[in-house]
Amino acid sequence: MRLQSDQNEFNAATRGYSAPLDAAAVPEKAAPVVDAIIKVIIKDSGLSACVRITPPSNGGADITMDGLMKALVNDNGIKNFDLIKMKALVSNPVYDEDIVVAVGAAAVTGDDGTYEFLVRTTSSGKPKEYENGKIDYYDLGLIQNVSAGEVLCVLTPPTEGIPGYTVKGETIKPKPGKPAPVVPGPNTSLSADGLHIISKINGQFEFDGKKVIVNETYTLNQDVDTSTGNIKVAGNLIVRGMVTSGFVLEAGGFITVFGVVESASITAGKDVNLQGGANGSKISCGGNFKCRFIENCDVFVRGEMKAEYILNSNVRCRRNLKTEGVISKIIGGTCVVMQNVEARTIGSAAGVKTKLEIGTDPEIVDRQHFLTDQIPEIDKQLRSLEPLLKLLRQLESANRLDEEKAQMLEKASFSYKTQTEALENAKKELEEISNMISNRNYGKVICSGIIYPGTFVTIGPASYTVTQNMMNTSLFYRDGEIAFTFAR
């Protein structure tokens, strides 16, 4: 009974207990199979695409070309891939690194526009030096003159640049270049093709760093002297100082000088206004001329001329000449005027020789004087050739001309023929001028004050010498002689 009881207690104590199995006898659970993983990474704003490959595990499959193509093309839309690199990657996979397999192309920014000036843009302020070594101290090159229609600047336009593309084949627009930082300014224009800046007028070139400018009027706020040199402009010229001795002013337009012109030269295509007058100077004016005084000057005016007084000067005026103001006088010198001469006083009490020639174009008079001087010179040359020609022709008749003398005869004959024709033409032209002068209408000399003795007046073909004071007198041509009447 005791034995049975112990057995029951043992069974109750061990109920639910199982003896541990042998470890070698229990099979281990298998790890999962993992294929290689392809991750596509797009970088550089779409300009490159990389793949990062996670290696396979537990016998998983490695990458294939189909898998690589699916990841790139189907899943990410990559187009510009490198097939050779992809094949190499399939053959020899590289794990856990970013491998570039597709690249795009960055857009290329366009080139900026450029410009090139065809005229001088700066001045050294130094005297001009010629190739032969000669230095012109009067030419400092301060002004760059240009003409209407002249090309001042050549422009090269900017380029648009070259488009780029992403690895997905999307176009990347380029940034275009910037235009040249030069634009037409006053009195200039852009050519139809946009490649040239052209001057619209004759004037003075200027560049302010951006605008190309042609100034119609150049203003000099100082004296004309060694610091400026001669001033020559294509347009208009204003000088707010004086013009010192030996210097030259030239302008295609008008010239205005505020100070005195002293022993200088002035040439203008249009009007000249000398607010301070001129002394010992040469002046040529294509328009009207106005000044305070003229002393010891040589003046040519195509238009009207007005001055307070004219002293000991050679004046040629194609229209009317008038002295005005409180002084209003002409003393000494010669005035050749096509129309009327008006003054309060002509000549002086001292009998200074004063010549007035009225009704004749001064340019025609100049030509008349030139021909009058030229005809005797031509005649003299012809007479000097005659003995030589005579001798050479005698030798020719005797068959004694060698080659040298034959050439001499040919040249002398040609020169004699040319000079003979020139003489005939000069005489004919001089006769035509004389007929024209004698058959035209003439202006008057109008003097509201005194015409003094020593004054010589020529009106057309008639002349008159003043031998006594003439008061308030007008002189004019009538019936082959000079007649008189009251001026007012």
Protein backbone atom coordinates (compact mmCIF):
# COMPACT_ATOMS: atom_id res chain seq x y z
CA MET A 1 0.00 0.00 0.00
CA ARG A 2 2.91 2.23 0.92
CA LEU A 3 4.46 1.63 -2.51
CA GLN A 4 1.29 2.49 -4.33
CA SER A 5 0.93 5.74 -2.39
CA ASP A 6 4.48 6.87 -3.30
CA GLN A 7 3.82 6.16 -6.92
CA ASN A 8 0.74 8.33 -6.89
CA GLU A 9 2.57 11.22 -5.27
CA PHE A 10 5.32 11.03 -7.93
CA ASN A 11 2.81 11.04 -10.71
CA ALA A 12 1.07 14.06 -9.23
CA ALA A 13 4.36 15.99 -8.86
CA THR A 14 5.48 15.36 -12.38
CA ARG A 15 2.17 15.90 -14.14
CA GLY A 16 2.58 18.38 -17.09
CA TYR A 17 6.34 18.14 -17.21
CA SER A 18 8.14 17.01 -20.31
CA ALA A 19 11.72 16.13 -20.38
CA PRO A 20 13.87 18.45 -22.59
CA LEU A 21 14.66 17.24 -26.07
CA ASP A 22 18.17 16.95 -27.42
CA ALA A 23 19.20 20.29 -29.21
CA ALA A 24 20.72 18.44 -32.13
CA ALA A 25 17.54 16.63 -32.66
CA VAL A 26 15.37 19.86 -33.11
CA PRO A 27 15.48 21.51 -36.67
CA GLU A 28 16.40 25.37 -36.86
CA LYS A 29 13.86 27.85 -38.54
CA ALA A 30 15.17 29.17 -42.04
CA ALA A 31 16.08 33.02 -42.55
CA PRO A 32 14.08 34.94 -45.20
CA VAL A 33 15.47 35.27 -48.74
CA VAL A 34 16.12 38.93 -49.77
CA ASP A 35 16.83 40.00 -53.37
CA ALA A 36 19.15 42.91 -54.24
CA ILE A 37 17.40 46.30 -53.95
CA ILE A 38 17.92 49.12 -56.49
CA LYS A 39 17.35 52.65 -55.31
CA VAL A 40 17.45 55.52 -57.87
CA ILE A 41 18.70 58.93 -56.66
CA ILE A 42 18.37 62.06 -58.87
CA LYS A 43 20.92 64.77 -58.07
CA ASP A 44 22.17 68.15 -59.27
CA SER A 45 18.75 69.50 -60.15
CA GLY A 46 18.11 66.64 -62.50
CA LEU A 47 21.50 66.64 -64.20
CA SER A 48 22.59 63.25 -62.84
CA ALA A 49 21.00 60.00 -61.67
CA CYS A 50 22.66 57.44 -59.40
CA VAL A 51 21.73 53.95 -58.31
CA ARG A 52 22.50 52.55 -54.86
CA ILE A 53 22.35 48.76 -54.74
CA THR A 54 21.66 46.93 -51.51
CA PRO A 55 23.18 43.45 -51.86
CA PRO A 56 20.96 40.34 -51.85
CA SER A 57 20.94 38.07 -48.78
CA ASN A 58 20.07 34.47 -47.91
CA GLY A 59 20.43 33.44 -51.51
CA GLY A 60 18.38 36.32 -52.90
CA ALA A 61 18.67 37.34 -56.57
CA ASP A 62 21.20 39.95 -57.66
CA ILE A 63 20.38 42.83 -59.99
CA THR A 64 19.58 42.24 -63.62
CA MET A 65 19.51 44.53 -66.64
CA ASP A 66 15.73 44.25 -66.74
CA GLY A 67 15.49 45.21 -63.09
CA LEU A 68 17.88 48.09 -63.55
CA MET A 69 15.97 49.34 -66.60
CA LYS A 70 12.67 49.06 -64.74
CA ALA A 71 13.99 51.11 -61.82
CA LEU A 72 15.44 53.79 -64.06
CA VAL A 73 12.99 54.02 -66.93
CA ASN A 74 9.64 52.74 -65.74
CA ASP A 75 9.77 53.90 -62.14
CA ASN A 76 11.72 57.16 -62.52
CA GLY A 77 11.46 58.16 -66.18
CA ILE A 78 15.21 58.31 -66.75
CA LYS A 79 16.11 58.60 -70.43
CA ASN A 80 19.71 59.67 -70.75
CA PHE A 81 21.28 56.61 -69.16
CA ASP A 82 24.68 55.11 -69.82
CA LEU A 83 23.98 51.63 -71.14
CA ILE A 84 27.62 50.57 -71.10
CA LYS A 85 28.01 51.50 -67.44
CA MET A 86 24.76 49.73 -66.61
CA LYS A 87 25.95 46.50 -68.27
CA ALA A 88 29.20 46.70 -66.34
CA LEU A 89 27.26 47.23 -63.14
CA VAL A 90 25.13 44.18 -63.82
CA SER A 91 28.24 42.11 -64.52
CA ASN A 92 30.13 43.41 -61.47
CA PRO A 93 27.68 44.90 -58.97
CA VAL A 94 28.93 47.59 -56.62
CA TYR A 95 26.95 47.69 -53.39
CA ASP A 96 26.04 50.48 -51.00
CA GLU A 97 27.59 53.22 -53.17
CA ASP A 98 26.03 55.89 -55.37
CA ILE A 99 26.90 54.93 -58.93
CA VAL A 100 26.18 57.50 -61.65
CA VAL A 101 24.39 55.82 -64.52
CA ALA A 102 22.73 58.78 -66.25
CA VAL A 103 23.78 62.37 -66.88
CA GLY A 104 22.13 65.38 -68.46
CA ALA A 105 23.73 68.54 -69.79
CA ALA A 106 23.71 71.93 -68.10
CA ALA A 107 22.49 74.90 -70.11
CA VAL A 108 25.28 77.18 -71.34
CA THR A 109 24.72 80.88 -70.57
CA GLY A 110 24.82 83.13 -73.61
CA ASP A 111 27.73 85.47 -74.26
CA ASP A 112 27.22 89.14 -73.40
CA GLY A 113 27.08 91.63 -76.26
CA THR A 114 30.20 93.67 -76.99
CA TYR A 115 30.93 96.98 -78.68
CA GLU A 116 33.78 98.62 -80.55
CA PHE A 117 34.12 102.32 -81.29
CA LEU A 118 35.34 103.37 -84.70
CA VAL A 119 36.17 106.87 -83.50
CA ARG A 120 38.53 108.20 -80.88
CA THR A 121 36.83 108.30 -77.47
CA THR A 122 39.47 110.03 -75.38
CA SER A 123 42.03 112.78 -75.79
CA SER A 124 45.56 112.76 -74.46
CA GLY A 125 45.69 116.56 -74.52
CA LYS A 126 49.17 116.29 -76.01
CA PRO A 127 50.42 117.92 -79.23
CA LYS A 128 49.94 115.85 -82.37
CA GLU A 129 53.08 114.12 -83.57
CA TYR A 130 53.40 113.12 -87.23
CA GLU A 131 55.30 110.16 -88.65
CA ASN A 132 58.10 112.41 -89.84
CA GLY A 133 58.65 113.56 -86.25
CA LYS A 134 57.04 116.96 -86.70
CA ILE A 135 54.99 118.10 -83.69
CA ASP A 136 51.95 120.35 -84.01
CA TYR A 137 51.59 122.21 -80.73
CA TYR A 138 48.36 123.80 -81.92
CA ASP A 139 46.58 120.45 -82.38
CA LEU A 140 45.80 118.86 -79.02
CA GLY A 141 43.00 116.67 -80.37
CA LEU A 142 40.45 117.76 -77.77
CA ILE A 143 37.51 117.21 -80.11
CA GLN A 144 36.43 114.19 -82.14
CA ASN A 145 34.39 115.41 -85.11
CA VAL A 146 31.99 113.11 -86.93
CA SER A 147 29.81 113.42 -90.00
CA ALA A 148 26.16 112.64 -90.65
CA GLY A 149 25.81 108.99 -91.59
CA GLU A 150 29.16 108.01 -90.07
CA VAL A 151 29.27 104.72 -88.16
CA LEU A 152 30.45 105.49 -84.63
CA CYS A 153 30.15 102.15 -82.90
CA VAL A 154 29.82 98.51 -83.97
CA LEU A 155 27.71 96.30 -81.72
CA THR A 156 27.99 92.54 -81.33
CA PRO A 157 24.62 91.20 -80.08
CA PRO A 158 24.43 88.81 -77.13
CA THR A 159 23.90 85.12 -77.81
CA GLU A 160 20.92 83.12 -76.55
CA GLY A 161 23.07 80.40 -75.02
CA ILE A 162 22.81 76.64 -75.49
CA PRO A 163 19.86 74.70 -73.97
CA GLY A 164 20.57 71.85 -71.58
CA TYR A 165 18.58 68.74 -70.62
CA THR A 166 17.94 66.69 -67.52
CA VAL A 167 18.36 62.94 -67.13
CA LYS A 168 14.62 62.70 -67.77
CA GLY A 169 15.03 64.48 -71.11
CA GLU A 170 13.48 67.74 -69.96
CA THR A 171 14.86 70.87 -71.68
CA ILE A 172 16.71 73.38 -69.53
CA LYS A 173 16.41 76.90 -70.93
CA PRO A 174 19.69 78.83 -71.05
CA LYS A 175 20.17 82.30 -69.60
CA PRO A 176 20.72 84.69 -72.51
CA GLY A 177 23.70 87.06 -72.55
CA LYS A 178 23.27 90.70 -71.64
CA PRO A 179 23.15 93.34 -74.41
CA ALA A 180 26.18 95.56 -74.87
CA PRO A 181 25.97 98.43 -72.33
CA VAL A 182 25.93 101.07 -75.07
CA VAL A 183 22.85 102.77 -76.51
CA PRO A 184 22.21 105.59 -79.00
CA GLY A 185 21.93 109.04 -77.41
CA PRO A 186 21.04 112.46 -78.81
CA ASN A 187 21.64 112.87 -82.55
CA THR A 188 22.53 109.20 -83.07
CA SER A 189 20.47 106.23 -84.18
CA LEU A 190 20.62 102.46 -84.36
CA SER A 191 20.92 100.87 -87.79
CA ALA A 192 18.09 98.68 -89.08
CA ASP A 193 20.03 95.51 -88.28
CA GLY A 194 20.78 96.75 -84.77
CA LEU A 195 24.52 96.36 -85.22
CA HIS A 196 25.68 99.95 -85.73
CA ILE A 197 25.25 103.29 -83.98
CA ILE A 198 25.25 106.03 -86.58
CA SER A 199 25.57 109.81 -86.34
CA LYS A 200 22.52 111.73 -87.58
CA ILE A 201 24.31 115.07 -87.91
CA ASN A 202 27.69 116.69 -88.36
CA GLY A 203 28.90 117.32 -84.85
CA GLN A 204 31.18 116.40 -81.98
CA PHE A 205 31.32 112.86 -80.61
CA GLU A 206 30.82 112.18 -76.92
CA PHE A 207 30.46 109.00 -74.86
CA ASP A 208 29.19 109.27 -71.30
CA GLY A 209 29.81 105.65 -70.42
CA LYS A 210 26.47 104.44 -71.72
CA LYS A 211 25.07 106.77 -74.37
CA VAL A 212 26.72 107.55 -77.68
CA ILE A 213 26.12 111.26 -78.28
CA VAL A 214 26.81 113.70 -81.09
CA ASN A 215 26.64 117.29 -79.93
CA GLU A 216 25.49 119.87 -82.44
CA THR A 217 27.19 122.63 -80.45
CA TYR A 218 30.53 122.47 -78.65
CA THR A 219 30.98 124.97 -75.81
CA LEU A 220 34.42 125.95 -74.57
CA ASN A 221 34.26 127.69 -71.18
CA GLN A 222 37.71 129.25 -71.35
CA ASP A 223 40.11 131.11 -73.60
CA VAL A 224 41.48 129.51 -76.74
CA ASP A 225 45.18 129.28 -75.99
CA THR A 226 48.00 126.79 -75.53
CA SER A 227 45.89 124.73 -73.13
CA THR A 228 43.28 124.03 -75.81
CA GLY A 229 45.11 124.34 -79.10
CA ASN A 230 43.14 125.07 -82.24
CA ILE A 231 39.43 124.32 -82.05
CA LYS A 232 37.87 122.69 -85.09
CA VAL A 233 34.32 121.35 -84.91
CA ALA A 234 31.92 119.86 -87.44
CA GLY A 235 28.92 121.55 -85.82
CA ASN A 236 28.56 124.81 -83.91
CA LEU A 237 31.08 126.43 -81.59
CA ILE A 238 30.69 128.71 -78.58
CA VAL A 239 33.78 130.17 -76.91
CA ARG A 240 33.11 131.90 -73.60
CA GLY A 241 36.57 133.42 -73.45
CA MET A 242 38.89 135.17 -75.87
CA VAL A 243 40.86 133.77 -78.82
CA THR A 244 44.55 134.46 -78.36
CA SER A 245 47.14 135.18 -81.01
CA GLY A 246 47.96 132.52 -83.58
CA PHE A 247 45.08 130.15 -82.89
CA VAL A 248 42.39 128.88 -85.25
CA LEU A 249 38.65 128.40 -84.87
CA GLU A 250 36.79 126.36 -87.49
CA ALA A 251 33.15 125.26 -87.44
CA GLY A 252 30.77 123.75 -89.94
CA GLY A 253 27.95 125.67 -88.25
CA PHE A 254 27.92 128.98 -86.37
CA ILE A 255 30.65 130.45 -84.16
CA THR A 256 30.04 132.71 -81.17
CA VAL A 257 32.95 134.24 -79.25
CA PHE A 258 32.31 136.23 -76.08
CA GLY A 259 35.81 137.67 -75.78
CA VAL A 260 38.13 139.51 -78.16
CA VAL A 261 39.67 137.70 -81.15
CA GLU A 262 43.31 138.74 -81.27
CA SER A 263 45.41 137.94 -84.38
CA ALA A 264 43.61 134.66 -84.93
CA SER A 265 41.76 132.87 -87.73
CA ILE A 266 38.02 132.15 -87.74
CA THR A 267 36.14 130.12 -90.36
CA ALA A 268 32.45 129.27 -90.03
CA GLY A 269 30.01 127.59 -92.39
CA LYS A 270 27.19 129.68 -90.94
CA ASP A 271 26.85 132.83 -88.80
CA VAL A 272 29.64 134.42 -86.79
CA ASN A 273 28.96 136.54 -83.71
CA LEU A 274 31.95 138.24 -82.07
CA GLN A 275 30.67 139.98 -78.97
CA GLY A 276 34.10 141.37 -78.20
CA GLY A 277 35.24 142.20 -81.73
CA ALA A 278 38.43 141.28 -83.57
CA ASN A 279 41.85 142.75 -84.18
CA GLY A 280 44.45 141.62 -86.74
CA SER A 281 42.49 138.51 -87.60
CA LYS A 282 41.28 136.65 -90.67
CA ILE A 283 37.56 135.84 -90.68
CA SER A 284 35.46 133.85 -93.14
CA CYS A 285 31.72 133.61 -92.55
CA GLY A 286 29.27 131.46 -94.52
CA GLY A 287 26.23 133.23 -93.06
CA ASN A 288 25.63 136.58 -91.37
CA PHE A 289 28.40 138.30 -89.45
CA LYS A 290 27.93 140.48 -86.38
CA CYS A 291 30.62 141.99 -84.21
CA ARG A 292 31.40 144.92 -81.98
CA PHE A 293 34.42 146.11 -83.95
CA ILE A 294 36.82 145.09 -86.71
CA GLU A 295 40.37 146.46 -86.70
CA ASN A 296 43.11 145.51 -89.17
CA CYS A 297 41.26 142.38 -90.24
CA ASP A 298 40.65 140.46 -93.44
CA VAL A 299 36.93 139.56 -93.54
CA PHE A 300 34.77 137.62 -96.00
CA VAL A 301 31.01 137.38 -95.40
CA ARG A 302 28.46 135.58 -97.57
CA GLY A 303 25.47 137.12 -95.79
CA GLU A 304 24.78 140.41 -94.01
CA MET A 305 27.48 142.16 -91.99
CA LYS A 306 26.93 144.43 -88.98
CA ALA A 307 29.52 146.10 -86.76
CA GLU A 308 29.86 149.16 -84.57
CA TYR A 309 32.94 150.24 -86.51
CA ILE A 310 35.40 148.98 -89.11
CA LEU A 311 38.97 150.25 -89.03
CA ASN A 312 41.72 149.66 -91.61
CA SER A 313 40.30 146.34 -92.72
CA ASN A 314 39.79 144.47 -95.96
CA VAL A 315 36.09 143.51 -96.02
CA ARG A 316 34.24 141.55 -98.68
CA CYS A 317 30.51 141.14 -98.18
CA ARG A 318 28.07 139.48 -100.59
CA ARG A 319 25.02 141.29 -99.19
CA ASN A 320 24.56 144.45 -97.08
CA LEU A 321 27.18 145.98 -94.80
CA LYS A 322 26.00 148.22 -91.99
CA THR A 323 27.75 149.92 -89.10
CA GLU A 324 25.45 150.81 -86.23
CA GLY A 325 25.41 152.11 -82.69
CA VAL A 326 26.91 155.29 -81.30
CA ILE A 327 30.18 155.00 -83.24
CA SER A 328 28.99 153.63 -86.62
CA LYS A 329 31.99 154.35 -88.82
CA ILE A 330 34.20 152.93 -91.57
CA ILE A 331 37.75 154.28 -91.63
CA GLY A 332 40.55 153.04 -93.86
CA GLY A 333 40.88 149.80 -95.74
CA THR A 334 38.67 148.45 -98.53
CA CYS A 335 35.07 147.27 -98.43
CA VAL A 336 33.77 145.33 -101.42
CA VAL A 337 30.03 144.94 -100.95
CA MET A 338 27.48 143.46 -103.33
CA GLN A 339 24.50 145.47 -102.03
CA ASN A 340 24.33 148.56 -99.78
CA VAL A 341 26.82 150.13 -97.39
CA GLU A 342 25.41 152.11 -94.47
CA ALA A 343 27.41 154.09 -91.91
CA ARG A 344 27.26 157.31 -89.92
CA THR A 345 30.87 158.21 -90.75
CA ILE A 346 33.00 157.14 -93.72
CA GLY A 347 36.69 158.08 -93.78
CA SER A 348 38.24 160.52 -91.35
CA ALA A 349 39.20 164.16 -91.01
CA ALA A 350 42.82 163.08 -91.39
CA GLY A 351 42.08 161.93 -94.94
CA VAL A 352 42.76 158.24 -94.32
CA LYS A 353 42.36 156.39 -97.62
CA THR A 354 39.07 154.52 -97.53
CA LYS A 355 37.80 152.49 -100.51
CA LEU A 356 34.20 151.38 -101.05
CA GLU A 357 33.36 149.13 -104.02
CA ILE A 358 29.62 148.59 -104.38
CA GLY A 359 27.46 146.28 -106.45
CA THR A 360 30.01 143.62 -107.17
CA ASP A 361 30.18 140.10 -105.84
CA PRO A 362 33.44 140.00 -103.85
CA GLU A 363 34.16 136.47 -105.03
CA ILE A 364 33.81 137.63 -108.63
CA VAL A 365 36.08 140.55 -107.86
CA ASP A 366 38.64 138.15 -106.40
CA ARG A 367 38.43 136.06 -109.55
CA GLN A 368 38.78 139.16 -111.68
CA HIS A 369 41.89 140.21 -109.78
CA PHE A 370 43.31 136.68 -110.02
CA LEU A 371 42.79 136.53 -113.80
CA THR A 372 44.23 140.02 -114.23
CA ASP A 373 47.41 138.87 -112.49
CA GLN A 374 47.47 135.44 -114.13
CA ILE A 375 47.24 136.51 -117.78
CA PRO A 376 50.63 138.32 -117.87
CA GLU A 377 52.27 135.35 -116.13
CA ILE A 378 50.95 132.89 -118.71
CA ASP A 379 52.00 135.17 -121.53
CA LYS A 380 55.50 135.38 -120.03
CA GLN A 381 55.77 131.59 -119.87
CA LEU A 382 54.70 131.29 -123.50
CA ARG A 383 57.33 133.79 -124.63
CA SER A 384 60.02 131.88 -122.72
CA LEU A 385 59.08 128.64 -124.52
CA GLU A 386 59.15 130.07 -128.04
CA PRO A 387 63.00 130.22 -128.50
CA LEU A 388 63.37 126.64 -127.28
CA LEU A 389 60.63 125.37 -129.57
CA LYS A 390 62.16 127.22 -132.53
CA LEU A 391 65.58 125.67 -131.94
CA LEU A 392 64.25 122.14 -131.45
CA ARG A 393 62.13 122.34 -134.59
CA GLN A 394 65.14 123.49 -136.62
CA LEU A 395 67.06 120.46 -135.36
CA GLU A 396 64.11 118.27 -136.24
CA SER A 397 64.01 119.67 -139.79
CA ALA A 398 67.73 118.92 -140.14
CA ASN A 399 67.27 115.35 -138.80
CA ARG A 400 69.60 116.14 -135.91
CA LEU A 401 67.27 115.28 -133.02
CA ASP A 402 68.53 112.55 -130.73
CA GLU A 403 66.14 110.68 -128.42
CA GLU A 404 66.64 113.06 -125.50
CA LYS A 405 65.97 116.20 -127.59
CA ALA A 406 62.98 114.53 -129.21
CA GLN A 407 61.43 114.01 -125.79
CA MET A 408 62.25 117.61 -124.91
CA LEU A 409 60.47 118.81 -128.06
CA GLU A 410 57.40 116.71 -127.23
CA LYS A 411 57.18 118.11 -123.70
CA ALA A 412 57.76 121.71 -124.78
CA SER A 413 55.12 121.44 -127.52
CA PHE A 414 52.59 120.01 -125.09
CA SER A 415 53.34 122.73 -122.51
CA TYR A 416 53.05 125.48 -125.12
CA LYS A 417 49.70 124.15 -126.31
CA THR A 418 48.36 123.82 -122.76
CA GLN A 419 49.47 127.32 -121.77
CA THR A 420 48.04 128.82 -124.97
CA GLU A 421 44.64 127.28 -124.19
CA ALA A 422 44.87 128.52 -120.58
CA LEU A 423 45.63 132.05 -121.80
CA GLU A 424 42.67 132.06 -124.19
CA ASN A 425 40.32 130.75 -121.48
CA ALA A 426 41.54 133.32 -118.94
CA LYS A 427 41.02 136.22 -121.36
CA LYS A 428 37.55 134.97 -122.25
CA GLU A 429 36.55 134.57 -118.58
CA LEU A 430 37.91 138.02 -117.70
CA GLU A 431 35.88 139.57 -120.52
CA GLU A 432 32.74 137.78 -119.30
CA ILE A 433 33.27 139.03 -115.76
CA SER A 434 33.80 142.60 -116.98
CA ASN A 435 30.57 142.46 -119.02
CA MET A 436 28.65 141.01 -116.08
CA ILE A 437 29.91 143.73 -113.74
CA SER A 438 29.01 146.50 -116.18
CA ASN A 439 25.49 145.17 -116.87
CA ARG A 440 24.06 144.62 -113.41
CA ASN A 441 22.09 146.64 -110.89
CA TYR A 442 24.08 148.15 -108.06
CA GLY A 443 23.62 149.03 -104.44
CA LYS A 444 24.14 152.35 -102.68
CA VAL A 445 26.41 154.05 -100.19
CA ILE A 446 24.21 155.58 -97.48
CA CYS A 447 25.92 157.92 -94.98
CA SER A 448 23.80 159.72 -92.39
CA GLY A 449 26.80 161.74 -91.14
CA ILE A 450 30.00 162.74 -92.96
CA ILE A 451 31.89 161.22 -95.87
CA TYR A 452 35.42 162.64 -95.58
CA PRO A 453 37.89 163.42 -98.35
CA GLY A 454 40.21 160.49 -99.03
CA THR A 455 37.23 158.23 -99.62
CA PHE A 456 37.07 156.48 -103.00
CA VAL A 457 33.72 155.08 -104.11
CA THR A 458 33.22 152.65 -106.99
CA ILE A 459 29.71 151.62 -107.97
CA GLY A 460 29.75 149.21 -110.89
CA PRO A 461 31.83 150.75 -113.72
CA ALA A 462 31.72 154.28 -112.27
CA SER A 463 34.06 155.73 -109.65
CA TYR A 464 34.11 158.88 -107.54
CA THR A 465 36.73 160.45 -105.32
CA VAL A 466 35.47 162.51 -102.38
CA THR A 467 37.33 165.81 -102.24
CA GLN A 468 35.26 167.64 -99.65
CA ASN A 469 33.02 166.72 -96.73
CA MET A 470 29.71 165.24 -97.86
CA MET A 471 26.90 165.48 -95.28
CA ASN A 472 23.92 163.13 -95.05
CA THR A 473 24.54 161.74 -98.53
CA SER A 474 23.49 158.71 -100.52
CA LEU A 475 25.62 157.71 -103.53
CA PHE A 476 24.24 155.51 -106.33
CA TYR A 477 24.85 154.61 -109.98
CA ARG A 478 22.88 156.33 -112.72
CA ASP A 479 23.52 156.73 -116.45
CA GLY A 480 27.16 155.71 -116.34
CA GLU A 481 28.16 157.86 -113.38
CA ILE A 482 27.74 158.19 -109.60
CA ALA A 483 24.88 160.44 -108.52
CA PHE A 484 24.10 161.96 -105.09
CA THR A 485 21.03 162.57 -103.01
CA PHE A 486 20.16 163.08 -99.36
CA ALA A 487 20.54 159.91 -97.30
CA ARG A 488 17.23 160.37 -95.51
